[in-house]
Amino acid sequence: MISAGIIGGAGYTAGELIRLLINHPDVEIAFVNSSSNAGNKITDVHSGLYGETDLVFTDQLPFSEIDVLFFCTAHGDTKKFIESHEIPGKLKIIDLSTDYRIETGDHDFVYGLPELNRRKICAANHVANPGCFATCIQLGVLPLAKHLMLNSELHVNAITGSTGAGVKPSGTSHFSWRNDNISIYKPFGHQHLAEIKQSLTSLQNSFRSEINFIPVRGNFSRGIFTTTYLDCKVGLDEIKWIYEEYYADHSFTFITDKNPDLKQVVNTNKCLIHLEKHNDKLLIISMIDNLLKGASGQAVHNMNLMFNLEEKVGLHLKPSAF
């Protein structure tokens, strides 16, 4: 059995990670660290887990008892934690924050998008889990980058559920504001653009195009629905073949001929992609669950790869289709 520890156990991503790990046949959770909740039951915070676990939050850090450490911490906190604690060198780490996603030369974290870096992840000791928007957008265009076809501006509109803003209440996540409402935020300057450009450049060195990204707050709880369009003169049949070939040996990304809807991926680790041609414009629709494929599900996928497990184990989840 793989013994796992979790740092920062009170948020949405931690709750989903705990749910996945307590149902994973090859994992046991050794501890869930949360200094503000130490001594409280996990179910006092994650009430959806009633009847599934008797775990209690702790402020202790028994690193010697675990094989893998997950960080579900706020952005900036993982790096501070690692720099201020003595963590065993052989301990595998999966970080869900932004802290190590960009390759700077001063860390050994592998960017944890399996559809891009599966072989590197399998051999990695430290993995930086991608951002949720970054995951959804990249999966929509990676096959084009591999074939050097990103030669015009990308126009991206992506709408996300309220859980993408985290568990801490804010003015824009309050029910009376969010419900029956829609708004944009961080247009053209979202923090996930840096990791997207890093990945696309790794496949297509010549990639210099602008990514015109407009993030949208949706009035639903979870999921990301992304539309991307760009100039492309290649026929639709050839494009579909390029995508099918790219994702043929990947277990969670699928190309669908039918125009999909968000409920097909919510509560799963799947990404669905739909392709259309409109004259010389290629329209790409991609969608994921922001808390699973965009966070905790992808973290478990990465763990499976790091420990040489079948990559879908613990991730056979039913979508909330109705």
C-alpha atoms as a PDB file:
ATOM      1  CA  MET A   1       0.000   0.000   0.000  1.00  0.00           C
ATOM      2  CA  ILE A   2       1.068   3.555  -0.753  1.00  0.00           C
ATOM      3  CA  SER A   3       0.960   5.754   2.330  1.00  0.00           C
ATOM      4  CA  ALA A   4      -0.084   9.347   1.617  1.00  0.00           C
ATOM      5  CA  GLY A   5       0.022  12.615   3.514  1.00  0.00           C
ATOM      6  CA  ILE A   6      -1.859  15.807   2.669  1.00  0.00           C
ATOM      7  CA  ILE A   7      -0.850  19.361   3.574  1.00  0.00           C
ATOM      8  CA  GLY A   8      -3.683  21.889   3.597  1.00  0.00           C
ATOM      9  CA  GLY A   9      -6.719  19.697   4.068  1.00  0.00           C
ATOM     10  CA  ALA A  10      -9.661  22.086   4.354  1.00  0.00           C
ATOM     11  CA  GLY A  11     -10.238  23.296   0.786  1.00  0.00           C
ATOM     12  CA  TYR A  12     -12.280  21.937  -2.100  1.00  0.00           C
ATOM     13  CA  THR A  13      -9.338  20.256  -3.827  1.00  0.00           C
ATOM     14  CA  ALA A  14      -8.289  18.587  -0.569  1.00  0.00           C
ATOM     15  CA  GLY A  15     -11.815  17.321  -0.002  1.00  0.00           C
ATOM     16  CA  GLU A  16     -11.904  15.775  -3.463  1.00  0.00           C
ATOM     17  CA  LEU A  17      -8.406  14.335  -3.015  1.00  0.00           C
ATOM     18  CA  ILE A  18      -9.397  12.718   0.284  1.00  0.00           C
ATOM     19  CA  ARG A  19     -12.528  11.284  -1.357  1.00  0.00           C
ATOM     20  CA  LEU A  20     -10.471   9.759  -4.166  1.00  0.00           C
ATOM     21  CA  LEU A  21      -7.716   8.380  -1.931  1.00  0.00           C
ATOM     22  CA  ILE A  22      -9.978   6.706   0.650  1.00  0.00           C
ATOM     23  CA  ASN A  23     -11.574   4.825  -2.257  1.00  0.00           C
ATOM     24  CA  HIS A  24      -8.269   4.032  -3.979  1.00  0.00           C
ATOM     25  CA  PRO A  25      -7.418   0.319  -3.623  1.00  0.00           C
ATOM     26  CA  ASP A  26      -3.654   0.910  -3.369  1.00  0.00           C
ATOM     27  CA  VAL A  27      -3.546   3.905  -1.019  1.00  0.00           C
ATOM     28  CA  GLU A  28      -4.050   4.644   2.651  1.00  0.00           C
ATOM     29  CA  ILE A  29      -4.043   8.160   4.066  1.00  0.00           C
ATOM     30  CA  ALA A  30      -1.571   8.477   6.930  1.00  0.00           C
ATOM     31  CA  PHE A  31      -2.421  12.067   7.835  1.00  0.00           C
ATOM     32  CA  VAL A  32      -4.237  15.197   6.706  1.00  0.00           C
ATOM     33  CA  ASN A  33      -2.482  18.267   8.051  1.00  0.00           C
ATOM     34  CA  SER A  34      -4.445  21.422   8.847  1.00  0.00           C
ATOM     35  CA  SER A  35      -3.240  23.584  11.711  1.00  0.00           C
ATOM     36  CA  SER A  36      -6.539  25.482  11.903  1.00  0.00           C
ATOM     37  CA  ASN A  37      -8.581  22.258  12.122  1.00  0.00           C
ATOM     38  CA  ALA A  38      -6.247  20.051  14.176  1.00  0.00           C
ATOM     39  CA  GLY A  39      -8.258  17.645  16.303  1.00  0.00           C
ATOM     40  CA  ASN A  40     -11.431  18.034  14.273  1.00  0.00           C
ATOM     41  CA  LYS A  41     -12.876  15.203  12.230  1.00  0.00           C
ATOM     42  CA  ILE A  42     -12.425  15.353   8.465  1.00  0.00           C
ATOM     43  CA  THR A  43     -16.207  15.140   8.166  1.00  0.00           C
ATOM     44  CA  ASP A  44     -16.610  18.319  10.218  1.00  0.00           C
ATOM     45  CA  VAL A  45     -15.227  20.155   7.178  1.00  0.00           C
ATOM     46  CA  HIS A  46     -15.926  17.727   4.312  1.00  0.00           C
ATOM     47  CA  SER A  47     -19.423  16.647   5.305  1.00  0.00           C
ATOM     48  CA  GLY A  48     -19.915  14.700   2.080  1.00  0.00           C
ATOM     49  CA  LEU A  49     -17.528  12.081   3.475  1.00  0.00           C
ATOM     50  CA  TYR A  50     -19.783  11.072   6.400  1.00  0.00           C
ATOM     51  CA  GLY A  51     -19.748   7.294   6.712  1.00  0.00           C
ATOM     52  CA  GLU A  52     -16.618   6.958   4.568  1.00  0.00           C
ATOM     53  CA  THR A  53     -13.804   7.977   6.925  1.00  0.00           C
ATOM     54  CA  ASP A  54     -12.983   8.456  10.603  1.00  0.00           C
ATOM     55  CA  LEU A  55      -9.849  10.463   9.870  1.00  0.00           C
ATOM     56  CA  VAL A  56      -9.033  13.458  12.044  1.00  0.00           C
ATOM     57  CA  PHE A  57      -7.066  16.559  11.018  1.00  0.00           C
ATOM     58  CA  THR A  58      -3.635  16.852  12.610  1.00  0.00           C
ATOM     59  CA  ASP A  59      -0.984  19.524  13.028  1.00  0.00           C
ATOM     60  CA  GLN A  60       1.738  16.844  13.033  1.00  0.00           C
ATOM     61  CA  LEU A  61       3.988  16.010  10.079  1.00  0.00           C
ATOM     62  CA  PRO A  62       5.112  12.348  10.295  1.00  0.00           C
ATOM     63  CA  PHE A  63       7.044  12.355   7.013  1.00  0.00           C
ATOM     64  CA  SER A  64       8.738   9.047   7.856  1.00  0.00           C
ATOM     65  CA  GLU A  65       5.364   7.263   7.666  1.00  0.00           C
ATOM     66  CA  ILE A  66       4.477   8.226   4.087  1.00  0.00           C
ATOM     67  CA  ASP A  67       5.526   7.548   0.492  1.00  0.00           C
ATOM     68  CA  VAL A  68       3.885  10.563  -1.159  1.00  0.00           C
ATOM     69  CA  LEU A  69       3.016  14.060   0.052  1.00  0.00           C
ATOM     70  CA  PHE A  70       0.273  16.149  -1.569  1.00  0.00           C
ATOM     71  CA  PHE A  71       0.207  19.920  -1.184  1.00  0.00           C
ATOM     72  CA  CYS A  72      -3.293  21.422  -1.404  1.00  0.00           C
ATOM     73  CA  THR A  73      -2.000  24.761  -0.228  1.00  0.00           C
ATOM     74  CA  ALA A  74      -2.511  28.356  -1.325  1.00  0.00           C
ATOM     75  CA  HIS A  75      -0.267  29.636  -4.079  1.00  0.00           C
ATOM     76  CA  GLY A  76       3.107  30.566  -2.632  1.00  0.00           C
ATOM     77  CA  ASP A  77       2.733  28.421   0.480  1.00  0.00           C
ATOM     78  CA  THR A  78       4.191  25.174  -0.900  1.00  0.00           C
ATOM     79  CA  LYS A  79       7.538  26.780  -1.657  1.00  0.00           C
ATOM     80  CA  LYS A  80       7.626  28.430   1.769  1.00  0.00           C
ATOM     81  CA  PHE A  81       6.808  25.108   3.433  1.00  0.00           C
ATOM     82  CA  ILE A  82       9.458  23.136   1.540  1.00  0.00           C
ATOM     83  CA  GLU A  83      12.108  25.757   2.258  1.00  0.00           C
ATOM     84  CA  SER A  84      11.288  25.810   5.972  1.00  0.00           C
ATOM     85  CA  HIS A  85      10.972  22.045   6.659  1.00  0.00           C
ATOM     86  CA  GLU A  86      13.299  19.080   6.367  1.00  0.00           C
ATOM     87  CA  ILE A  87      11.538  16.768   3.939  1.00  0.00           C
ATOM     88  CA  PRO A  88      13.137  13.368   3.174  1.00  0.00           C
ATOM     89  CA  GLY A  89      14.814  13.429  -0.215  1.00  0.00           C
ATOM     90  CA  LYS A  90      13.150  10.211  -1.387  1.00  0.00           C
ATOM     91  CA  LEU A  91       9.634  11.379  -0.509  1.00  0.00           C
ATOM     92  CA  LYS A  92       7.522  11.877  -3.621  1.00  0.00           C
ATOM     93  CA  ILE A  93       5.734  15.231  -3.761  1.00  0.00           C
ATOM     94  CA  ILE A  94       2.725  16.346  -5.811  1.00  0.00           C
ATOM     95  CA  ASP A  95       2.040  20.072  -5.554  1.00  0.00           C
ATOM     96  CA  LEU A  96      -1.372  21.418  -6.592  1.00  0.00           C
ATOM     97  CA  SER A  97      -0.325  25.088  -6.319  1.00  0.00           C
ATOM     98  CA  THR A  98       1.344  27.275  -8.937  1.00  0.00           C
ATOM     99  CA  ASP A  99       4.690  27.352  -7.155  1.00  0.00           C
ATOM    100  CA  TYR A 100       6.695  24.932  -9.313  1.00  0.00           C
ATOM    101  CA  ARG A 101       4.827  24.812 -12.633  1.00  0.00           C
ATOM    102  CA  ILE A 102       7.283  27.030 -14.460  1.00  0.00           C
ATOM    103  CA  GLU A 103      10.689  25.518 -15.258  1.00  0.00           C
ATOM    104  CA  THR A 104      13.180  27.955 -13.768  1.00  0.00           C
ATOM    105  CA  GLY A 105      16.257  25.754 -13.314  1.00  0.00           C
ATOM    106  CA  ASP A 106      16.212  26.032  -9.524  1.00  0.00           C
ATOM    107  CA  HIS A 107      13.886  23.076  -8.859  1.00  0.00           C
ATOM    108  CA  ASP A 108      13.339  19.538 -10.172  1.00  0.00           C
ATOM    109  CA  PHE A 109       9.527  19.510 -10.378  1.00  0.00           C
ATOM    110  CA  VAL A 110       8.116  17.980 -13.568  1.00  0.00           C
ATOM    111  CA  TYR A 111       5.070  19.683 -15.054  1.00  0.00           C
ATOM    112  CA  GLY A 112       2.326  17.157 -14.359  1.00  0.00           C
ATOM    113  CA  LEU A 113       0.162  17.115 -17.472  1.00  0.00           C
ATOM    114  CA  PRO A 114       0.168  13.395 -18.363  1.00  0.00           C
ATOM    115  CA  GLU A 115      -0.932  14.015 -21.944  1.00  0.00           C
ATOM    116  CA  LEU A 116       2.248  16.040 -22.407  1.00  0.00           C
ATOM    117  CA  ASN A 117       4.827  14.623 -19.970  1.00  0.00           C
ATOM    118  CA  ARG A 118       3.741  11.082 -19.115  1.00  0.00           C
ATOM    119  CA  ARG A 119       7.240   9.548 -19.401  1.00  0.00           C
ATOM    120  CA  LYS A 120       8.820  12.306 -17.322  1.00  0.00           C
ATOM    121  CA  ILE A 121       6.106  11.953 -14.670  1.00  0.00           C
ATOM    122  CA  CYS A 122       6.694   8.203 -14.422  1.00  0.00           C
ATOM    123  CA  ALA A 123      10.334   8.863 -13.527  1.00  0.00           C
ATOM    124  CA  ALA A 124       9.742  11.965 -11.401  1.00  0.00           C
ATOM    125  CA  ASN A 125      10.164  12.416  -7.676  1.00  0.00           C
ATOM    126  CA  HIS A 126       8.446  15.812  -7.625  1.00  0.00           C
ATOM    127  CA  VAL A 127       5.470  16.811  -9.790  1.00  0.00           C
ATOM    128  CA  ALA A 128       3.771  20.193 -10.208  1.00  0.00           C
ATOM    129  CA  ASN A 129       0.090  19.668 -10.938  1.00  0.00           C
ATOM    130  CA  PRO A 130      -1.197  21.955 -13.747  1.00  0.00           C
ATOM    131  CA  GLY A 131      -3.784  24.672 -13.265  1.00  0.00           C
ATOM    132  CA  CYS A 132      -7.411  23.935 -14.106  1.00  0.00           C
ATOM    133  CA  PHE A 133      -7.799  26.471 -16.930  1.00  0.00           C
ATOM    134  CA  ALA A 134      -4.343  25.528 -18.201  1.00  0.00           C
ATOM    135  CA  THR A 135      -5.297  21.845 -18.350  1.00  0.00           C
ATOM    136  CA  CYS A 136      -8.502  22.435 -20.282  1.00  0.00           C
ATOM    137  CA  ILE A 137      -6.990  24.885 -22.758  1.00  0.00           C
ATOM    138  CA  GLN A 138      -3.825  22.866 -23.393  1.00  0.00           C
ATOM    139  CA  LEU A 139      -5.679  19.618 -24.026  1.00  0.00           C
ATOM    140  CA  GLY A 140      -7.630  21.462 -26.702  1.00  0.00           C
ATOM    141  CA  VAL A 141      -4.540  22.497 -28.673  1.00  0.00           C
ATOM    142  CA  LEU A 142      -1.624  20.162 -27.838  1.00  0.00           C
ATOM    143  CA  PRO A 143      -2.125  18.007 -30.977  1.00  0.00           C
ATOM    144  CA  LEU A 144      -1.881  21.134 -33.141  1.00  0.00           C
ATOM    145  CA  ALA A 145       1.347  22.187 -31.426  1.00  0.00           C
ATOM    146  CA  LYS A 146       2.848  18.746 -32.007  1.00  0.00           C
ATOM    147  CA  HIS A 147       2.170  19.167 -35.745  1.00  0.00           C
ATOM    148  CA  LEU A 148       3.481  22.778 -35.766  1.00  0.00           C
ATOM    149  CA  MET A 149       0.039  24.121 -36.642  1.00  0.00           C
ATOM    150  CA  LEU A 150      -0.242  26.969 -34.117  1.00  0.00           C
ATOM    151  CA  ASN A 151       0.642  29.804 -36.459  1.00  0.00           C
ATOM    152  CA  SER A 152      -2.070  32.356 -35.720  1.00  0.00           C
ATOM    153  CA  GLU A 153      -3.533  33.994 -32.644  1.00  0.00           C
ATOM    154  CA  LEU A 154      -5.561  31.764 -30.322  1.00  0.00           C
ATOM    155  CA  HIS A 155      -8.871  33.180 -29.143  1.00  0.00           C
ATOM    156  CA  VAL A 156      -9.967  31.458 -25.933  1.00  0.00           C
ATOM    157  CA  ASN A 157     -13.105  31.890 -23.867  1.00  0.00           C
ATOM    158  CA  ALA A 158     -13.442  29.665 -20.801  1.00  0.00           C
ATOM    159  CA  ILE A 159     -16.191  29.677 -18.199  1.00  0.00           C
ATOM    160  CA  THR A 160     -15.596  28.086 -14.790  1.00  0.00           C
ATOM    161  CA  GLY A 161     -17.738  27.116 -11.829  1.00  0.00           C
ATOM    162  CA  SER A 162     -17.633  28.853  -8.464  1.00  0.00           C
ATOM    163  CA  THR A 163     -15.465  26.138  -6.867  1.00  0.00           C
ATOM    164  CA  GLY A 164     -12.619  27.429  -9.019  1.00  0.00           C
ATOM    165  CA  ALA A 165     -12.439  30.425  -6.664  1.00  0.00           C
ATOM    166  CA  GLY A 166     -11.702  28.200  -3.654  1.00  0.00           C
ATOM    167  CA  VAL A 167     -13.584  27.479  -0.451  1.00  0.00           C
ATOM    168  CA  LYS A 168     -12.937  30.830   1.248  1.00  0.00           C
ATOM    169  CA  PRO A 169     -15.986  33.071   0.694  1.00  0.00           C
ATOM    170  CA  SER A 170     -15.589  36.231  -1.338  1.00  0.00           C
ATOM    171  CA  GLY A 171     -17.808  38.850  -2.919  1.00  0.00           C
ATOM    172  CA  THR A 172     -17.775  37.078  -6.284  1.00  0.00           C
ATOM    173  CA  SER A 173     -18.459  33.600  -4.840  1.00  0.00           C
ATOM    174  CA  HIS A 174     -21.358  34.645  -2.586  1.00  0.00           C
ATOM    175  CA  PHE A 175     -24.539  32.862  -3.741  1.00  0.00           C
ATOM    176  CA  SER A 176     -26.654  36.004  -4.063  1.00  0.00           C
ATOM    177  CA  TRP A 177     -24.026  37.550  -6.390  1.00  0.00           C
ATOM    178  CA  ARG A 178     -22.949  34.470  -8.337  1.00  0.00           C
ATOM    179  CA  ASN A 179     -26.386  32.972  -8.942  1.00  0.00           C
ATOM    180  CA  ASP A 180     -28.129  34.178 -12.113  1.00  0.00           C
ATOM    181  CA  ASN A 181     -24.998  36.164 -12.947  1.00  0.00           C
ATOM    182  CA  ILE A 182     -21.909  36.104 -15.171  1.00  0.00           C
ATOM    183  CA  SER A 183     -18.724  38.186 -15.318  1.00  0.00           C
ATOM    184  CA  ILE A 184     -15.173  38.149 -16.671  1.00  0.00           C
ATOM    185  CA  TYR A 185     -11.960  38.494 -14.703  1.00  0.00           C
ATOM    186  CA  LYS A 186      -8.256  38.851 -15.504  1.00  0.00           C
ATOM    187  CA  PRO A 187      -8.839  39.207 -19.283  1.00  0.00           C
ATOM    188  CA  PHE A 188      -5.664  38.680 -21.361  1.00  0.00           C
ATOM    189  CA  GLY A 189      -3.568  38.384 -18.166  1.00  0.00           C
ATOM    190  CA  HIS A 190      -4.560  35.208 -16.329  1.00  0.00           C
ATOM    191  CA  GLN A 191      -1.744  33.542 -14.381  1.00  0.00           C
ATOM    192  CA  HIS A 192      -2.213  30.214 -16.198  1.00  0.00           C
ATOM    193  CA  LEU A 193      -1.042  31.703 -19.495  1.00  0.00           C
ATOM    194  CA  ALA A 194       2.611  31.275 -18.515  1.00  0.00           C
ATOM    195  CA  GLU A 195       2.371  27.503 -18.102  1.00  0.00           C
ATOM    196  CA  ILE A 196       0.261  27.168 -21.266  1.00  0.00           C
ATOM    197  CA  LYS A 197       2.887  29.008 -23.330  1.00  0.00           C
ATOM    198  CA  GLN A 198       5.656  26.924 -21.733  1.00  0.00           C
ATOM    199  CA  SER A 199       3.944  23.676 -22.776  1.00  0.00           C
ATOM    200  CA  LEU A 200       3.065  24.757 -26.304  1.00  0.00           C
ATOM    201  CA  THR A 201       6.598  26.016 -26.912  1.00  0.00           C
ATOM    202  CA  SER A 202       7.999  22.675 -25.733  1.00  0.00           C
ATOM    203  CA  LEU A 203       6.137  21.008 -28.618  1.00  0.00           C
ATOM    204  CA  GLN A 204       6.395  23.796 -31.181  1.00  0.00           C
ATOM    205  CA  ASN A 205       9.563  25.846 -30.788  1.00  0.00           C
ATOM    206  CA  SER A 206       8.287  28.388 -33.292  1.00  0.00           C
ATOM    207  CA  PHE A 207       5.164  29.172 -31.274  1.00  0.00           C
ATOM    208  CA  ARG A 208       5.012  32.938 -30.792  1.00  0.00           C
ATOM    209  CA  SER A 209       1.309  33.592 -31.232  1.00  0.00           C
ATOM    210  CA  GLU A 210      -0.825  35.558 -28.811  1.00  0.00           C
ATOM    211  CA  ILE A 211      -3.270  33.671 -26.604  1.00  0.00           C
ATOM    212  CA  ASN A 212      -6.253  35.970 -26.175  1.00  0.00           C
ATOM    213  CA  PHE A 213      -7.762  34.394 -23.074  1.00  0.00           C
ATOM    214  CA  ILE A 214     -10.990  35.685 -21.507  1.00  0.00           C
ATOM    215  CA  PRO A 215     -11.815  33.815 -18.262  1.00  0.00           C
ATOM    216  CA  VAL A 216     -15.483  33.898 -17.219  1.00  0.00           C
ATOM    217  CA  ARG A 217     -17.140  33.280 -13.855  1.00  0.00           C
ATOM    218  CA  GLY A 218     -20.109  30.949 -14.316  1.00  0.00           C
ATOM    219  CA  ASN A 219     -23.192  30.615 -12.137  1.00  0.00           C
ATOM    220  CA  PHE A 220     -22.675  26.892 -11.507  1.00  0.00           C
ATOM    221  CA  SER A 221     -20.549  24.984  -9.006  1.00  0.00           C
ATOM    222  CA  ARG A 222     -18.011  22.994 -10.966  1.00  0.00           C
ATOM    223  CA  GLY A 223     -16.612  22.410 -14.412  1.00  0.00           C
ATOM    224  CA  ILE A 224     -14.779  24.375 -17.113  1.00  0.00           C
ATOM    225  CA  PHE A 225     -16.192  24.838 -20.611  1.00  0.00           C
ATOM    226  CA  THR A 226     -13.654  26.238 -23.084  1.00  0.00           C
ATOM    227  CA  THR A 227     -14.023  27.416 -26.668  1.00  0.00           C
ATOM    228  CA  THR A 228     -10.868  28.114 -28.669  1.00  0.00           C
ATOM    229  CA  TYR A 229     -10.683  29.220 -32.283  1.00  0.00           C
ATOM    230  CA  LEU A 230      -7.798  29.964 -34.641  1.00  0.00           C
ATOM    231  CA  ASP A 231      -6.960  30.187 -38.329  1.00  0.00           C
ATOM    232  CA  CYS A 232      -6.525  26.786 -39.933  1.00  0.00           C
ATOM    233  CA  LYS A 233      -6.821  25.739 -43.569  1.00  0.00           C
ATOM    234  CA  VAL A 234      -6.423  21.988 -42.922  1.00  0.00           C
ATOM    235  CA  GLY A 235      -9.568  19.926 -43.505  1.00  0.00           C
ATOM    236  CA  LEU A 236     -11.645  18.695 -40.587  1.00  0.00           C
ATOM    237  CA  ASP A 237     -11.100  14.992 -41.303  1.00  0.00           C
ATOM    238  CA  GLU A 238      -7.320  15.413 -41.155  1.00  0.00           C
ATOM    239  CA  ILE A 239      -7.569  17.464 -37.980  1.00  0.00           C
ATOM    240  CA  LYS A 240      -9.709  14.788 -36.320  1.00  0.00           C
ATOM    241  CA  TRP A 241      -7.135  12.184 -37.304  1.00  0.00           C
ATOM    242  CA  ILE A 242      -4.359  14.293 -35.733  1.00  0.00           C
ATOM    243  CA  TYR A 243      -6.313  14.522 -32.471  1.00  0.00           C
ATOM    244  CA  GLU A 244      -7.325  10.862 -32.410  1.00  0.00           C
ATOM    245  CA  GLU A 245      -3.711   9.837 -32.999  1.00  0.00           C
ATOM    246  CA  TYR A 246      -2.381  12.149 -30.285  1.00  0.00           C
ATOM    247  CA  TYR A 247      -4.798  10.913 -27.616  1.00  0.00           C
ATOM    248  CA  ALA A 248      -4.993   7.269 -28.719  1.00  0.00           C
ATOM    249  CA  ASP A 249      -2.944   5.975 -25.781  1.00  0.00           C
ATOM    250  CA  HIS A 250      -4.229   8.431 -23.178  1.00  0.00           C
ATOM    251  CA  SER A 251      -6.959   7.199 -20.874  1.00  0.00           C
ATOM    252  CA  PHE A 252      -8.920  10.326 -20.016  1.00  0.00           C
ATOM    253  CA  THR A 253      -9.138  12.562 -23.113  1.00  0.00           C
ATOM    254  CA  PHE A 254     -11.678  11.765 -25.806  1.00  0.00           C
ATOM    255  CA  ILE A 255     -12.692  13.258 -29.155  1.00  0.00           C
ATOM    256  CA  THR A 256     -16.460  13.373 -29.715  1.00  0.00           C
ATOM    257  CA  ASP A 257     -18.337  14.099 -32.941  1.00  0.00           C
ATOM    258  CA  LYS A 258     -21.397  15.220 -31.003  1.00  0.00           C
ATOM    259  CA  ASN A 259     -21.469  18.715 -29.531  1.00  0.00           C
ATOM    260  CA  PRO A 260     -20.854  17.911 -25.839  1.00  0.00           C
ATOM    261  CA  ASP A 261     -22.159  19.521 -22.667  1.00  0.00           C
ATOM    262  CA  LEU A 262     -20.448  20.143 -19.343  1.00  0.00           C
ATOM    263  CA  LYS A 263     -22.384  17.544 -17.335  1.00  0.00           C
ATOM    264  CA  GLN A 264     -20.694  14.802 -19.344  1.00  0.00           C
ATOM    265  CA  VAL A 265     -17.404  15.475 -17.534  1.00  0.00           C
ATOM    266  CA  VAL A 266     -18.474  16.813 -14.114  1.00  0.00           C
ATOM    267  CA  ASN A 267     -17.399  14.386 -11.336  1.00  0.00           C
ATOM    268  CA  THR A 268     -14.909  12.643 -13.655  1.00  0.00           C
ATOM    269  CA  ASN A 269     -11.246  12.872 -14.627  1.00  0.00           C
ATOM    270  CA  LYS A 270     -12.212  13.118 -18.307  1.00  0.00           C
ATOM    271  CA  CYS A 271     -11.642  15.781 -20.907  1.00  0.00           C
ATOM    272  CA  LEU A 272     -14.002  15.857 -23.887  1.00  0.00           C
ATOM    273  CA  ILE A 273     -12.978  17.620 -27.085  1.00  0.00           C
ATOM    274  CA  HIS A 274     -15.213  18.559 -30.019  1.00  0.00           C
ATOM    275  CA  LEU A 275     -13.867  19.962 -33.299  1.00  0.00           C
ATOM    276  CA  GLU A 276     -15.577  22.035 -35.995  1.00  0.00           C
ATOM    277  CA  LYS A 277     -14.444  23.894 -39.115  1.00  0.00           C
ATOM    278  CA  HIS A 278     -16.101  27.162 -40.109  1.00  0.00           C
ATOM    279  CA  ASN A 279     -14.484  28.180 -43.390  1.00  0.00           C
ATOM    280  CA  ASP A 280     -10.813  28.719 -42.440  1.00  0.00           C
ATOM    281  CA  LYS A 281     -11.518  28.859 -38.711  1.00  0.00           C
ATOM    282  CA  LEU A 282     -11.022  25.829 -36.476  1.00  0.00           C
ATOM    283  CA  LEU A 283     -13.297  25.763 -33.431  1.00  0.00           C
ATOM    284  CA  ILE A 284     -12.187  23.596 -30.502  1.00  0.00           C
ATOM    285  CA  ILE A 285     -14.494  22.874 -27.581  1.00  0.00           C
ATOM    286  CA  SER A 286     -12.826  21.310 -24.544  1.00  0.00           C
ATOM    287  CA  MET A 287     -14.257  20.668 -21.091  1.00  0.00           C
ATOM    288  CA  ILE A 288     -13.206  19.233 -17.748  1.00  0.00           C
ATOM    289  CA  ASP A 289     -14.204  19.120 -14.089  1.00  0.00           C
ATOM    290  CA  ASN A 290     -12.024  21.830 -12.525  1.00  0.00           C
ATOM    291  CA  LEU A 291     -11.717  19.966  -9.197  1.00  0.00           C
ATOM    292  CA  LEU A 292     -10.855  16.583 -10.728  1.00  0.00           C
ATOM    293  CA  LYS A 293      -9.156  16.665 -14.136  1.00  0.00           C
ATOM    294  CA  GLY A 294      -8.211  20.241 -13.271  1.00  0.00           C
ATOM    295  CA  ALA A 295      -6.832  19.413  -9.813  1.00  0.00           C
ATOM    296  CA  SER A 296      -7.283  16.387  -7.522  1.00  0.00           C
ATOM    297  CA  GLY A 297      -8.125  13.750 -10.129  1.00  0.00           C
ATOM    298  CA  GLN A 298      -5.080  14.731 -12.148  1.00  0.00           C
ATOM    299  CA  ALA A 299      -2.994  14.594  -8.961  1.00  0.00           C
ATOM    300  CA  VAL A 300      -4.116  10.992  -8.386  1.00  0.00           C
ATOM    301  CA  HIS A 301      -3.422  10.214 -12.055  1.00  0.00           C
ATOM    302  CA  ASN A 302       0.101  11.560 -11.559  1.00  0.00           C
ATOM    303  CA  MET A 303       0.522   9.516  -8.383  1.00  0.00           C
ATOM    304  CA  ASN A 304      -0.517   6.368 -10.264  1.00  0.00           C
ATOM    305  CA  LEU A 305       2.130   7.060 -12.898  1.00  0.00           C
ATOM    306  CA  MET A 306       4.831   7.847 -10.313  1.00  0.00           C
ATOM    307  CA  PHE A 307       4.187   4.532  -8.532  1.00  0.00           C
ATOM    308  CA  ASN A 308       3.860   2.463 -11.731  1.00  0.00           C
ATOM    309  CA  LEU A 309       0.167   1.720 -11.176  1.00  0.00           C
ATOM    310  CA  GLU A 310      -2.457   1.356 -13.903  1.00  0.00           C
ATOM    311  CA  GLU A 311      -3.224   5.002 -14.581  1.00  0.00           C
ATOM    312  CA  LYS A 312      -7.018   4.783 -14.253  1.00  0.00           C
ATOM    313  CA  VAL A 313      -7.085   3.006 -10.897  1.00  0.00           C
ATOM    314  CA  GLY A 314      -9.106   4.959  -8.354  1.00  0.00           C
ATOM    315  CA  LEU A 315     -10.485   7.212 -11.083  1.00  0.00           C
ATOM    316  CA  HIS A 316     -13.413   5.215 -12.480  1.00  0.00           C
ATOM    317  CA  LEU A 317     -15.999   7.893 -11.766  1.00  0.00           C
ATOM    318  CA  LYS A 318     -19.560   8.386 -12.983  1.00  0.00           C
ATOM    319  CA  PRO A 319     -20.314  11.770 -14.566  1.00  0.00           C
ATOM    320  CA  SER A 320     -23.127  13.911 -13.181  1.00  0.00           C
ATOM    321  CA  ALA A 321     -25.004  13.617 -16.456  1.00  0.00           C
ATOM    322  CA  PHE A 322     -28.456  14.145 -14.918  1.00  0.00           C
END
